[in-house]
């Protein structure tokens, strides 16, 4: 568990939450990128431009992933338009154990299979 030490008071996630996170991070093509975004947001809030620079991705690609994460209540936004700052949602922080499971599954998947980024 990568996040266990940081968030030791986690509870066992419900089945639907586990399924959602596993789908978003391991069952879709952009899952690895979305997980990289979440890992950055664990440390501090970012805007889309900062995320694009740190991840060395196209601004529009990051914008798309942020819409997916926001639609699924994993990140919250503060502000409007270009200056929007994103941070982790309370829902994700509350279900951090499910994120740990998704990370573990993705690591196993990456170590056994060729991945095209």
PDB file of N, CA and C in Angstrom:
ATOM      1  N   UNK A   1       0.832  -1.193   0.000  1.00  0.00           N
ATOM      2  CA  UNK A   1       0.000   0.000   0.000  1.00  0.00           C
ATOM      3  C   UNK A   1       0.874   1.253   0.000  1.00  0.00           C
ATOM      4  N   UNK A   2       0.744   2.037  -1.007  1.00  0.00           N
ATOM      5  CA  UNK A   2       1.561   3.235  -1.120  1.00  0.00           C
ATOM      6  C   UNK A   2       1.087   4.362  -0.226  1.00  0.00           C
ATOM      7  N   UNK A   3      -0.199   4.465  -0.026  1.00  0.00           N
ATOM      8  CA  UNK A   3      -0.749   5.591   0.709  1.00  0.00           C
ATOM      9  C   UNK A   3      -1.042   5.254   2.159  1.00  0.00           C
ATOM     10  N   UNK A   4      -0.910   4.006   2.538  1.00  0.00           N
ATOM     11  CA  UNK A   4      -1.281   3.550   3.870  1.00  0.00           C
ATOM     12  C   UNK A   4      -0.588   4.298   4.987  1.00  0.00           C
ATOM     13  N   UNK A   5       0.687   4.567   4.834  1.00  0.00           N
ATOM     14  CA  UNK A   5       1.426   5.269   5.880  1.00  0.00           C
ATOM     15  C   UNK A   5       0.944   6.706   6.023  1.00  0.00           C
ATOM     16  N   UNK A   6       0.601   7.312   4.920  1.00  0.00           N
ATOM     17  CA  UNK A   6       0.168   8.703   4.934  1.00  0.00           C
ATOM     18  C   UNK A   6      -1.251   8.850   5.492  1.00  0.00           C
ATOM     19  N   UNK A   7      -2.075   7.850   5.254  1.00  0.00           N
ATOM     20  CA  UNK A   7      -3.480   7.903   5.661  1.00  0.00           C
ATOM     21  C   UNK A   7      -3.819   6.630   6.432  1.00  0.00           C
ATOM     22  N   UNK A   8      -3.281   6.486   7.625  1.00  0.00           N
ATOM     23  CA  UNK A   8      -3.385   5.235   8.361  1.00  0.00           C
ATOM     24  C   UNK A   8      -4.771   4.968   8.933  1.00  0.00           C
ATOM     25  N   UNK A   9      -5.608   5.976   9.051  1.00  0.00           N
ATOM     26  CA  UNK A   9      -6.920   5.772   9.656  1.00  0.00           C
ATOM     27  C   UNK A   9      -7.998   5.530   8.599  1.00  0.00           C
ATOM     28  N   UNK A  10      -7.631   4.806   7.553  1.00  0.00           N
ATOM     29  CA  UNK A  10      -8.582   4.507   6.492  1.00  0.00           C
ATOM     30  C   UNK A  10      -9.533   3.405   6.925  1.00  0.00           C
ATOM     31  N   UNK A  11     -10.696   3.410   6.322  1.00  0.00           N
ATOM     32  CA  UNK A  11     -11.672   2.357   6.578  1.00  0.00           C
ATOM     33  C   UNK A  11     -11.796   1.504   5.327  1.00  0.00           C
ATOM     34  N   UNK A  12     -12.444   0.365   5.464  1.00  0.00           N
ATOM     35  CA  UNK A  12     -12.644  -0.511   4.312  1.00  0.00           C
ATOM     36  C   UNK A  12     -13.658   0.139   3.368  1.00  0.00           C
ATOM     37  N   UNK A  13     -13.286   0.317   2.102  1.00  0.00           N
ATOM     38  CA  UNK A  13     -14.187   0.986   1.159  1.00  0.00           C
ATOM     39  C   UNK A  13     -15.363   0.094   0.769  1.00  0.00           C
ATOM     40  N   UNK A  14     -16.484   0.731   0.425  1.00  0.00           N
ATOM     41  CA  UNK A  14     -17.633  -0.052  -0.023  1.00  0.00           C
ATOM     42  C   UNK A  14     -17.384  -0.570  -1.443  1.00  0.00           C
ATOM     43  N   UNK A  15     -18.162  -1.537  -1.823  1.00  0.00           N
ATOM     44  CA  UNK A  15     -17.971  -2.239  -3.096  1.00  0.00           C
ATOM     45  C   UNK A  15     -18.075  -1.300  -4.307  1.00  0.00           C
ATOM     46  N   UNK A  16     -19.064  -0.422  -4.312  1.00  0.00           N
ATOM     47  CA  UNK A  16     -19.261   0.492  -5.437  1.00  0.00           C
ATOM     48  C   UNK A  16     -18.080   1.446  -5.608  1.00  0.00           C
ATOM     49  N   UNK A  17     -17.553   1.936  -4.498  1.00  0.00           N
ATOM     50  CA  UNK A  17     -16.402   2.842  -4.560  1.00  0.00           C
ATOM     51  C   UNK A  17     -15.191   2.116  -5.124  1.00  0.00           C
ATOM     52  N   UNK A  18     -14.962   0.902  -4.658  1.00  0.00           N
ATOM     53  CA  UNK A  18     -13.838   0.111  -5.174  1.00  0.00           C
ATOM     54  C   UNK A  18     -13.986  -0.103  -6.678  1.00  0.00           C
ATOM     55  N   UNK A  19     -15.190  -0.451  -7.111  1.00  0.00           N
ATOM     56  CA  UNK A  19     -15.430  -0.689  -8.535  1.00  0.00           C
ATOM     57  C   UNK A  19     -15.188   0.579  -9.355  1.00  0.00           C
ATOM     58  N   UNK A  20     -15.650   1.707  -8.849  1.00  0.00           N
ATOM     59  CA  UNK A  20     -15.461   2.976  -9.550  1.00  0.00           C
ATOM     60  C   UNK A  20     -13.978   3.289  -9.718  1.00  0.00           C
ATOM     61  N   UNK A  21     -13.222   3.210  -8.626  1.00  0.00           N
ATOM     62  CA  UNK A  21     -11.801   3.549  -8.688  1.00  0.00           C
ATOM     63  C   UNK A  21     -11.023   2.551  -9.536  1.00  0.00           C
ATOM     64  N   UNK A  22     -11.338   1.279  -9.412  1.00  0.00           N
ATOM     65  CA  UNK A  22     -10.660   0.282 -10.245  1.00  0.00           C
ATOM     66  C   UNK A  22     -10.955   0.527 -11.719  1.00  0.00           C
ATOM     67  N   UNK A  23     -12.190   0.871 -12.036  1.00  0.00           N
ATOM     68  CA  UNK A  23     -12.534   1.159 -13.428  1.00  0.00           C
ATOM     69  C   UNK A  23     -11.790   2.395 -13.938  1.00  0.00           C
ATOM     70  N   UNK A  24     -11.825   3.482 -13.172  1.00  0.00           N
ATOM     71  CA  UNK A  24     -11.208   4.737 -13.629  1.00  0.00           C
ATOM     72  C   UNK A  24      -9.698   4.643 -13.778  1.00  0.00           C
ATOM     73  N   UNK A  25      -9.050   3.844 -12.918  1.00  0.00           N
ATOM     74  CA  UNK A  25      -7.589   3.807 -12.930  1.00  0.00           C
ATOM     75  C   UNK A  25      -6.995   2.570 -13.588  1.00  0.00           C
ATOM     76  N   UNK A  26      -7.752   1.485 -13.697  1.00  0.00           N
ATOM     77  CA  UNK A  26      -7.181   0.277 -14.301  1.00  0.00           C
ATOM     78  C   UNK A  26      -7.974  -0.230 -15.495  1.00  0.00           C
ATOM     79  N   UNK A  27      -9.216   0.185 -15.639  1.00  0.00           N
ATOM     80  CA  UNK A  27     -10.061  -0.357 -16.693  1.00  0.00           C
ATOM     81  C   UNK A  27     -10.209   0.523 -17.912  1.00  0.00           C
ATOM     82  N   UNK A  28      -9.542   1.660 -17.923  1.00  0.00           N
ATOM     83  CA  UNK A  28      -9.663   2.580 -19.052  1.00  0.00           C
ATOM     84  C   UNK A  28      -8.282   2.987 -19.544  1.00  0.00           C
ATOM     85  N   UNK A  29      -8.208   3.453 -20.782  1.00  0.00           N
ATOM     86  CA  UNK A  29      -6.920   3.814 -21.379  1.00  0.00           C
ATOM     87  C   UNK A  29      -6.199   4.923 -20.634  1.00  0.00           C
ATOM     88  N   UNK A  30      -6.919   5.894 -20.124  1.00  0.00           N
ATOM     89  CA  UNK A  30      -6.287   7.025 -19.457  1.00  0.00           C
ATOM     90  C   UNK A  30      -6.080   6.831 -17.970  1.00  0.00           C
ATOM     91  N   UNK A  31      -6.288   5.627 -17.488  1.00  0.00           N
ATOM     92  CA  UNK A  31      -6.215   5.362 -16.051  1.00  0.00           C
ATOM     93  C   UNK A  31      -4.881   5.707 -15.426  1.00  0.00           C
ATOM     94  N   UNK A  32      -3.798   5.347 -16.111  1.00  0.00           N
ATOM     95  CA  UNK A  32      -2.470   5.625 -15.568  1.00  0.00           C
ATOM     96  C   UNK A  32      -2.239   7.132 -15.461  1.00  0.00           C
ATOM     97  N   UNK A  33      -2.659   7.875 -16.462  1.00  0.00           N
ATOM     98  CA  UNK A  33      -2.503   9.335 -16.428  1.00  0.00           C
ATOM     99  C   UNK A  33      -3.339   9.942 -15.313  1.00  0.00           C
ATOM    100  N   UNK A  34      -4.569   9.470 -15.158  1.00  0.00           N
ATOM    101  CA  UNK A  34      -5.415   9.981 -14.074  1.00  0.00           C
ATOM    102  C   UNK A  34      -4.804   9.677 -12.712  1.00  0.00           C
ATOM    103  N   UNK A  35      -4.199   8.518 -12.583  1.00  0.00           N
ATOM    104  CA  UNK A  35      -3.552   8.177 -11.319  1.00  0.00           C
ATOM    105  C   UNK A  35      -2.348   9.087 -11.066  1.00  0.00           C
ATOM    106  N   UNK A  36      -1.593   9.406 -12.097  1.00  0.00           N
ATOM    107  CA  UNK A  36      -0.468  10.336 -11.945  1.00  0.00           C
ATOM    108  C   UNK A  36      -0.966  11.702 -11.476  1.00  0.00           C
ATOM    109  N   UNK A  37      -2.093  12.139 -12.001  1.00  0.00           N
ATOM    110  CA  UNK A  37      -2.682  13.416 -11.582  1.00  0.00           C
ATOM    111  C   UNK A  37      -3.061  13.359 -10.107  1.00  0.00           C
ATOM    112  N   UNK A  38      -3.733  12.293  -9.702  1.00  0.00           N
ATOM    113  CA  UNK A  38      -4.139  12.144  -8.299  1.00  0.00           C
ATOM    114  C   UNK A  38      -2.919  12.128  -7.388  1.00  0.00           C
ATOM    115  N   UNK A  39      -1.857  11.452  -7.804  1.00  0.00           N
ATOM    116  CA  UNK A  39      -0.645  11.392  -6.973  1.00  0.00           C
ATOM    117  C   UNK A  39      -0.061  12.795  -6.761  1.00  0.00           C
ATOM    118  N   UNK A  40      -0.099  13.636  -7.775  1.00  0.00           N
ATOM    119  CA  UNK A  40       0.368  15.016  -7.606  1.00  0.00           C
ATOM    120  C   UNK A  40      -0.551  15.791  -6.667  1.00  0.00           C
ATOM    121  N   UNK A  41      -1.855  15.596  -6.830  1.00  0.00           N
ATOM    122  CA  UNK A  41      -2.820  16.330  -6.006  1.00  0.00           C
ATOM    123  C   UNK A  41      -2.800  15.889  -4.544  1.00  0.00           C
ATOM    124  N   UNK A  42      -2.217  14.742  -4.262  1.00  0.00           N
ATOM    125  CA  UNK A  42      -2.067  14.315  -2.866  1.00  0.00           C
ATOM    126  C   UNK A  42      -1.183  15.291  -2.096  1.00  0.00           C
ATOM    127  N   UNK A  43      -0.216  15.890  -2.794  1.00  0.00           N
ATOM    128  CA  UNK A  43       0.737  16.798  -2.141  1.00  0.00           C
ATOM    129  C   UNK A  43       0.213  18.219  -1.996  1.00  0.00           C
ATOM    130  N   UNK A  44      -0.435  18.717  -3.057  1.00  0.00           N
ATOM    131  CA  UNK A  44      -0.920  20.103  -3.030  1.00  0.00           C
ATOM    132  C   UNK A  44      -1.888  20.327  -4.174  1.00  0.00           C
ATOM    133  N   UNK A  45      -2.683  21.405  -4.116  1.00  0.00           N
ATOM    134  CA  UNK A  45      -3.574  21.741  -5.237  1.00  0.00           C
ATOM    135  C   UNK A  45      -2.775  22.232  -6.453  1.00  0.00           C
ATOM    136  N   UNK A  46      -3.316  22.012  -7.632  1.00  0.00           N
ATOM    137  CA  UNK A  46      -2.698  22.432  -8.892  1.00  0.00           C
ATOM    138  C   UNK A  46      -3.763  23.023  -9.797  1.00  0.00           C
ATOM    139  N   UNK A  47      -3.321  23.863 -10.751  1.00  0.00           N
ATOM    140  CA  UNK A  47      -4.220  24.228 -11.840  1.00  0.00           C
ATOM    141  C   UNK A  47      -3.865  23.358 -13.047  1.00  0.00           C
ATOM    142  N   UNK A  48      -4.664  23.429 -14.084  1.00  0.00           N
ATOM    143  CA  UNK A  48      -4.475  22.551 -15.243  1.00  0.00           C
ATOM    144  C   UNK A  48      -3.126  22.775 -15.904  1.00  0.00           C
ATOM    145  N   UNK A  49      -2.714  24.013 -16.023  1.00  0.00           N
ATOM    146  CA  UNK A  49      -1.429  24.325 -16.650  1.00  0.00           C
ATOM    147  C   UNK A  49      -0.267  23.724 -15.859  1.00  0.00           C
ATOM    148  N   UNK A  50      -0.296  23.852 -14.542  1.00  0.00           N
ATOM    149  CA  UNK A  50       0.764  23.284 -13.704  1.00  0.00           C
ATOM    150  C   UNK A  50       0.824  21.766 -13.847  1.00  0.00           C
ATOM    151  N   UNK A  51      -0.341  21.130 -13.867  1.00  0.00           N
ATOM    152  CA  UNK A  51      -0.378  19.675 -14.041  1.00  0.00           C
ATOM    153  C   UNK A  51       0.206  19.281 -15.397  1.00  0.00           C
ATOM    154  N   UNK A  52      -0.179  20.003 -16.443  1.00  0.00           N
ATOM    155  CA  UNK A  52       0.325  19.701 -17.784  1.00  0.00           C
ATOM    156  C   UNK A  52       1.842  19.823 -17.836  1.00  0.00           C
ATOM    157  N   UNK A  53       2.387  20.847 -17.196  1.00  0.00           N
ATOM    158  CA  UNK A  53       3.839  21.021 -17.176  1.00  0.00           C
ATOM    159  C   UNK A  53       4.524  19.915 -16.390  1.00  0.00           C
ATOM    160  N   UNK A  54       4.048  19.639 -15.188  1.00  0.00           N
ATOM    161  CA  UNK A  54       4.680  18.625 -14.342  1.00  0.00           C
ATOM    162  C   UNK A  54       4.599  17.229 -14.950  1.00  0.00           C
ATOM    163  N   UNK A  55       3.505  16.932 -15.632  1.00  0.00           N
ATOM    164  CA  UNK A  55       3.318  15.607 -16.223  1.00  0.00           C
ATOM    165  C   UNK A  55       3.830  15.522 -17.658  1.00  0.00           C
ATOM    166  N   UNK A  56       4.246  16.679 -18.201  1.00  0.00           N
ATOM    167  CA  UNK A  56       4.710  16.777 -19.585  1.00  0.00           C
ATOM    168  C   UNK A  56       3.654  16.245 -20.554  1.00  0.00           C
ATOM    169  N   UNK A  57       2.428  16.736 -20.359  1.00  0.00           N
ATOM    170  CA  UNK A  57       1.300  16.363 -21.200  1.00  0.00           C
ATOM    171  C   UNK A  57       0.690  17.607 -21.825  1.00  0.00           C
ATOM    172  N   UNK A  58      -0.094  17.396 -22.857  1.00  0.00           N
ATOM    173  CA  UNK A  58      -0.821  18.472 -23.508  1.00  0.00           C
ATOM    174  C   UNK A  58      -1.880  19.036 -22.563  1.00  0.00           C
ATOM    175  N   UNK A  59      -2.052  20.346 -22.587  1.00  0.00           N
ATOM    176  CA  UNK A  59      -3.026  21.021 -21.728  1.00  0.00           C
ATOM    177  C   UNK A  59      -4.427  20.444 -21.912  1.00  0.00           C
ATOM    178  N   UNK A  60      -4.828  20.230 -23.166  1.00  0.00           N
ATOM    179  CA  UNK A  60      -6.172  19.706 -23.453  1.00  0.00           C
ATOM    180  C   UNK A  60      -6.347  18.290 -22.911  1.00  0.00           C
ATOM    181  N   UNK A  61      -5.293  17.486 -22.946  1.00  0.00           N
ATOM    182  CA  UNK A  61      -5.372  16.123 -22.404  1.00  0.00           C
ATOM    183  C   UNK A  61      -5.602  16.172 -20.898  1.00  0.00           C
ATOM    184  N   UNK A  62      -4.866  17.038 -20.213  1.00  0.00           N
ATOM    185  CA  UNK A  62      -5.038  17.175 -18.765  1.00  0.00           C
ATOM    186  C   UNK A  62      -6.433  17.707 -18.467  1.00  0.00           C
ATOM    187  N   UNK A  63      -6.887  18.644 -19.257  1.00  0.00           N
ATOM    188  CA  UNK A  63      -8.230  19.203 -19.081  1.00  0.00           C
ATOM    189  C   UNK A  63      -9.289  18.092 -19.180  1.00  0.00           C
ATOM    190  N   UNK A  64      -9.118  17.197 -20.143  1.00  0.00           N
ATOM    191  CA  UNK A  64     -10.046  16.072 -20.298  1.00  0.00           C
ATOM    192  C   UNK A  64     -10.035  15.181 -19.053  1.00  0.00           C
ATOM    193  N   UNK A  65      -8.847  14.821 -18.580  1.00  0.00           N
ATOM    194  CA  UNK A  65      -8.745  13.950 -17.408  1.00  0.00           C
ATOM    195  C   UNK A  65      -9.332  14.618 -16.166  1.00  0.00           C
ATOM    196  N   UNK A  66      -9.160  15.920 -16.043  1.00  0.00           N
ATOM    197  CA  UNK A  66      -9.726  16.626 -14.892  1.00  0.00           C
ATOM    198  C   UNK A  66     -11.255  16.605 -14.943  1.00  0.00           C
ATOM    199  N   UNK A  67     -11.819  16.698 -16.138  1.00  0.00           N
ATOM    200  CA  UNK A  67     -13.280  16.609 -16.271  1.00  0.00           C
ATOM    201  C   UNK A  67     -13.776  15.233 -15.837  1.00  0.00           C
ATOM    202  N   UNK A  68     -13.050  14.186 -16.227  1.00  0.00           N
ATOM    203  CA  UNK A  68     -13.429  12.822 -15.835  1.00  0.00           C
ATOM    204  C   UNK A  68     -13.342  12.669 -14.322  1.00  0.00           C
ATOM    205  N   UNK A  69     -12.252  13.152 -13.728  1.00  0.00           N
ATOM    206  CA  UNK A  69     -12.071  13.036 -12.278  1.00  0.00           C
ATOM    207  C   UNK A  69     -13.116  13.851 -11.523  1.00  0.00           C
ATOM    208  N   UNK A  70     -13.419  15.039 -12.027  1.00  0.00           N
ATOM    209  CA  UNK A  70     -14.418  15.880 -11.364  1.00  0.00           C
ATOM    210  C   UNK A  70     -15.824  15.280 -11.498  1.00  0.00           C
ATOM    211  N   UNK A  71     -16.142  14.767 -12.662  1.00  0.00           N
ATOM    212  CA  UNK A  71     -17.451  14.147 -12.892  1.00  0.00           C
ATOM    213  C   UNK A  71     -17.678  12.973 -11.932  1.00  0.00           C
ATOM    214  N   UNK A  72     -16.608  12.274 -11.579  1.00  0.00           N
ATOM    215  CA  UNK A  72     -16.705  11.120 -10.688  1.00  0.00           C
ATOM    216  C   UNK A  72     -16.410  11.471  -9.236  1.00  0.00           C
ATOM    217  N   UNK A  73     -16.424  12.765  -8.925  1.00  0.00           N
ATOM    218  CA  UNK A  73     -16.290  13.266  -7.555  1.00  0.00           C
ATOM    219  C   UNK A  73     -14.957  12.897  -6.893  1.00  0.00           C
ATOM    220  N   UNK A  74     -13.882  12.847  -7.678  1.00  0.00           N
ATOM    221  CA  UNK A  74     -12.570  12.546  -7.107  1.00  0.00           C
ATOM    222  C   UNK A  74     -11.752  13.802  -6.874  1.00  0.00           C
ATOM    223  N   UNK A  75     -12.090  14.873  -7.586  1.00  0.00           N
ATOM    224  CA  UNK A  75     -11.437  16.162  -7.367  1.00  0.00           C
ATOM    225  C   UNK A  75     -12.506  17.245  -7.286  1.00  0.00           C
ATOM    226  N   UNK A  76     -12.157  18.327  -6.626  1.00  0.00           N
ATOM    227  CA  UNK A  76     -13.007  19.517  -6.553  1.00  0.00           C
ATOM    228  C   UNK A  76     -12.252  20.681  -7.163  1.00  0.00           C
ATOM    229  N   UNK A  77     -12.999  21.636  -7.675  1.00  0.00           N
ATOM    230  CA  UNK A  77     -12.379  22.826  -8.262  1.00  0.00           C
ATOM    231  C   UNK A  77     -12.685  24.044  -7.410  1.00  0.00           C
ATOM    232  N   UNK A  78     -11.729  24.958  -7.403  1.00  0.00           N
ATOM    233  CA  UNK A  78     -11.907  26.253  -6.757  1.00  0.00           C
ATOM    234  C   UNK A  78     -11.602  27.292  -7.824  1.00  0.00           C
ATOM    235  N   UNK A  79     -12.520  28.208  -8.045  1.00  0.00           N
ATOM    236  CA  UNK A  79     -12.301  29.255  -9.028  1.00  0.00           C
ATOM    237  C   UNK A  79     -12.997  28.960 -10.343  1.00  0.00           C
ATOM    238  N   UNK A  80     -12.712  29.817 -11.311  1.00  0.00           N
ATOM    239  CA  UNK A  80     -13.361  29.738 -12.618  1.00  0.00           C
ATOM    240  C   UNK A  80     -12.336  29.838 -13.734  1.00  0.00           C
ATOM    241  N   UNK A  81     -12.710  29.313 -14.884  1.00  0.00           N
ATOM    242  CA  UNK A  81     -11.962  29.404 -16.139  1.00  0.00           C
ATOM    243  C   UNK A  81     -10.503  28.992 -15.987  1.00  0.00           C
ATOM    244  N   UNK A  82      -9.567  29.830 -16.499  1.00  0.00           N
ATOM    245  CA  UNK A  82      -8.156  29.448 -16.553  1.00  0.00           C
ATOM    246  C   UNK A  82      -7.536  29.293 -15.167  1.00  0.00           C
ATOM    247  N   UNK A  83      -7.975  30.057 -14.214  1.00  0.00           N
ATOM    248  CA  UNK A  83      -7.369  30.032 -12.887  1.00  0.00           C
ATOM    249  C   UNK A  83      -7.897  28.959 -11.953  1.00  0.00           C
ATOM    250  N   UNK A  84      -8.662  28.006 -12.462  1.00  0.00           N
ATOM    251  CA  UNK A  84      -9.244  26.959 -11.616  1.00  0.00           C
ATOM    252  C   UNK A  84      -8.142  26.149 -10.943  1.00  0.00           C
ATOM    253  N   UNK A  85      -8.284  25.974  -9.646  1.00  0.00           N
ATOM    254  CA  UNK A  85      -7.364  25.147  -8.864  1.00  0.00           C
ATOM    255  C   UNK A  85      -8.107  23.871  -8.487  1.00  0.00           C
ATOM    256  N   UNK A  86      -7.449  22.733  -8.677  1.00  0.00           N
ATOM    257  CA  UNK A  86      -8.042  21.444  -8.333  1.00  0.00           C
ATOM    258  C   UNK A  86      -7.379  20.873  -7.085  1.00  0.00           C
ATOM    259  N   UNK A  87      -8.186  20.212  -6.273  1.00  0.00           N
ATOM    260  CA  UNK A  87      -7.668  19.490  -5.104  1.00  0.00           C
ATOM    261  C   UNK A  87      -8.493  18.225  -4.931  1.00  0.00           C
ATOM    262  N   UNK A  88      -8.003  17.291  -4.120  1.00  0.00           N
ATOM    263  CA  UNK A  88      -8.719  16.038  -3.897  1.00  0.00           C
ATOM    264  C   UNK A  88     -10.042  16.297  -3.196  1.00  0.00           C
ATOM    265  N   UNK A  89     -11.043  15.537  -3.562  1.00  0.00           N
ATOM    266  CA  UNK A  89     -12.351  15.672  -2.923  1.00  0.00           C
ATOM    267  C   UNK A  89     -12.353  14.965  -1.571  1.00  0.00           C
ATOM    268  N   UNK A  90     -13.288  15.347  -0.730  1.00  0.00           N
ATOM    269  CA  UNK A  90     -13.455  14.657   0.551  1.00  0.00           C
ATOM    270  C   UNK A  90     -13.818  13.196   0.326  1.00  0.00           C
ATOM    271  N   UNK A  91     -14.591  12.932  -0.722  1.00  0.00           N
ATOM    272  CA  UNK A  91     -14.974  11.560  -1.058  1.00  0.00           C
ATOM    273  C   UNK A  91     -13.743  10.687  -1.277  1.00  0.00           C
ATOM    274  N   UNK A  92     -12.778  11.185  -2.058  1.00  0.00           N
ATOM    275  CA  UNK A  92     -11.572  10.395  -2.326  1.00  0.00           C
ATOM    276  C   UNK A  92     -10.724  10.261  -1.068  1.00  0.00           C
ATOM    277  N   UNK A  93     -10.578  11.335  -0.319  1.00  0.00           N
ATOM    278  CA  UNK A  93      -9.793  11.258   0.914  1.00  0.00           C
ATOM    279  C   UNK A  93     -10.412  10.267   1.894  1.00  0.00           C
ATOM    280  N   UNK A  94     -11.734  10.214   1.945  1.00  0.00           N
ATOM    281  CA  UNK A  94     -12.433   9.292   2.832  1.00  0.00           C
ATOM    282  C   UNK A  94     -12.262   7.843   2.375  1.00  0.00           C
ATOM    283  N   UNK A  95     -12.106   7.648   1.071  1.00  0.00           N
ATOM    284  CA  UNK A  95     -11.980   6.306   0.490  1.00  0.00           C
ATOM    285  C   UNK A  95     -10.571   6.029  -0.018  1.00  0.00           C
ATOM    286  N   UNK A  96      -9.580   6.514   0.687  1.00  0.00           N
ATOM    287  CA  UNK A  96      -8.194   6.379   0.252  1.00  0.00           C
ATOM    288  C   UNK A  96      -7.759   4.915   0.184  1.00  0.00           C
ATOM    289  N   UNK A  97      -8.358   4.050   0.996  1.00  0.00           N
ATOM    290  CA  UNK A  97      -8.018   2.621   0.956  1.00  0.00           C
ATOM    291  C   UNK A  97      -8.386   2.018  -0.398  1.00  0.00           C
ATOM    292  N   UNK A  98      -9.475   2.467  -0.983  1.00  0.00           N
ATOM    293  CA  UNK A  98      -9.864   1.979  -2.313  1.00  0.00           C
ATOM    294  C   UNK A  98      -8.866   2.455  -3.361  1.00  0.00           C
ATOM    295  N   UNK A  99      -8.325   3.647  -3.182  1.00  0.00           N
ATOM    296  CA  UNK A  99      -7.291   4.142  -4.087  1.00  0.00           C
ATOM    297  C   UNK A  99      -6.041   3.289  -3.961  1.00  0.00           C
ATOM    298  N   UNK A 100      -5.686   2.910  -2.740  1.00  0.00           N
ATOM    299  CA  UNK A 100      -4.553   2.006  -2.526  1.00  0.00           C
ATOM    300  C   UNK A 100      -4.735   0.711  -3.310  1.00  0.00           C
ATOM    301  N   UNK A 101      -5.935   0.159  -3.270  1.00  0.00           N
ATOM    302  CA  UNK A 101      -6.220  -1.078  -3.999  1.00  0.00           C
ATOM    303  C   UNK A 101      -6.044  -0.878  -5.502  1.00  0.00           C
ATOM    304  N   UNK A 102      -6.534   0.238  -6.010  1.00  0.00           N
ATOM    305  CA  UNK A 102      -6.408   0.526  -7.440  1.00  0.00           C
ATOM    306  C   UNK A 102      -4.941   0.673  -7.829  1.00  0.00           C
ATOM    307  N   UNK A 103      -4.153   1.316  -6.979  1.00  0.00           N
ATOM    308  CA  UNK A 103      -2.724   1.478  -7.251  1.00  0.00           C
ATOM    309  C   UNK A 103      -2.041   0.123  -7.283  1.00  0.00           C
ATOM    310  N   UNK A 104      -2.335  -0.721  -6.298  1.00  0.00           N
ATOM    311  CA  UNK A 104      -1.741  -2.062  -6.261  1.00  0.00           C
ATOM    312  C   UNK A 104      -2.090  -2.852  -7.520  1.00  0.00           C
ATOM    313  N   UNK A 105      -3.346  -2.788  -7.929  1.00  0.00           N
ATOM    314  CA  UNK A 105      -3.775  -3.525  -9.121  1.00  0.00           C
ATOM    315  C   UNK A 105      -3.091  -2.980 -10.372  1.00  0.00           C
ATOM    316  N   UNK A 106      -2.978  -1.663 -10.477  1.00  0.00           N
ATOM    317  CA  UNK A 106      -2.320  -1.060 -11.633  1.00  0.00           C
ATOM    318  C   UNK A 106      -0.844  -1.425 -11.667  1.00  0.00           C
ATOM    319  N   UNK A 107      -0.179  -1.440 -10.516  1.00  0.00           N
ATOM    320  CA  UNK A 107       1.232  -1.838 -10.470  1.00  0.00           C
ATOM    321  C   UNK A 107       1.406  -3.274 -10.958  1.00  0.00           C
ATOM    322  N   UNK A 108       0.515  -4.161 -10.537  1.00  0.00           N
ATOM    323  CA  UNK A 108       0.593  -5.556 -10.999  1.00  0.00           C
ATOM    324  C   UNK A 108       0.366  -5.626 -12.502  1.00  0.00           C
ATOM    325  N   UNK A 109      -0.588  -4.860 -12.983  1.00  0.00           N
ATOM    326  CA  UNK A 109      -0.907  -4.841 -14.410  1.00  0.00           C
ATOM    327  C   UNK A 109       0.281  -4.318 -15.224  1.00  0.00           C
ATOM    328  N   UNK A 110       0.921  -3.258 -14.743  1.00  0.00           N
ATOM    329  CA  UNK A 110       2.053  -2.670 -15.458  1.00  0.00           C
ATOM    330  C   UNK A 110       3.270  -3.578 -15.448  1.00  0.00           C
ATOM    331  N   UNK A 111       3.447  -4.345 -14.390  1.00  0.00           N
ATOM    332  CA  UNK A 111       4.630  -5.200 -14.297  1.00  0.00           C
ATOM    333  C   UNK A 111       4.494  -6.464 -15.141  1.00  0.00           C
ATOM    334  N   UNK A 112       3.287  -6.812 -15.571  1.00  0.00           N
ATOM    335  CA  UNK A 112       3.101  -8.038 -16.339  1.00  0.00           C
ATOM    336  C   UNK A 112       2.775  -7.794 -17.806  1.00  0.00           C
ATOM    337  N   UNK A 113       2.552  -6.561 -18.201  1.00  0.00           N
ATOM    338  CA  UNK A 113       2.051  -6.285 -19.530  1.00  0.00           C
ATOM    339  C   UNK A 113       2.715  -5.038 -20.102  1.00  0.00           C
ATOM    340  N   UNK A 114       2.916  -5.023 -21.400  1.00  0.00           N
ATOM    341  CA  UNK A 114       3.453  -3.848 -22.071  1.00  0.00           C
ATOM    342  C   UNK A 114       2.400  -2.756 -22.087  1.00  0.00           C
ATOM    343  N   UNK A 115       2.790  -1.538 -21.719  1.00  0.00           N
ATOM    344  CA  UNK A 115       1.848  -0.426 -21.688  1.00  0.00           C
ATOM    345  C   UNK A 115       2.324   0.647 -22.658  1.00  0.00           C
ATOM    346  N   UNK A 116       1.404   1.152 -23.444  1.00  0.00           N
ATOM    347  CA  UNK A 116       1.712   2.231 -24.380  1.00  0.00           C
ATOM    348  C   UNK A 116       1.169   3.524 -23.816  1.00  0.00           C
ATOM    349  N   UNK A 117       2.045   4.454 -23.504  1.00  0.00           N
ATOM    350  CA  UNK A 117       1.622   5.717 -22.900  1.00  0.00           C
ATOM    351  C   UNK A 117       1.398   6.783 -23.934  1.00  0.00           C
TER     352      UNK A 117
END
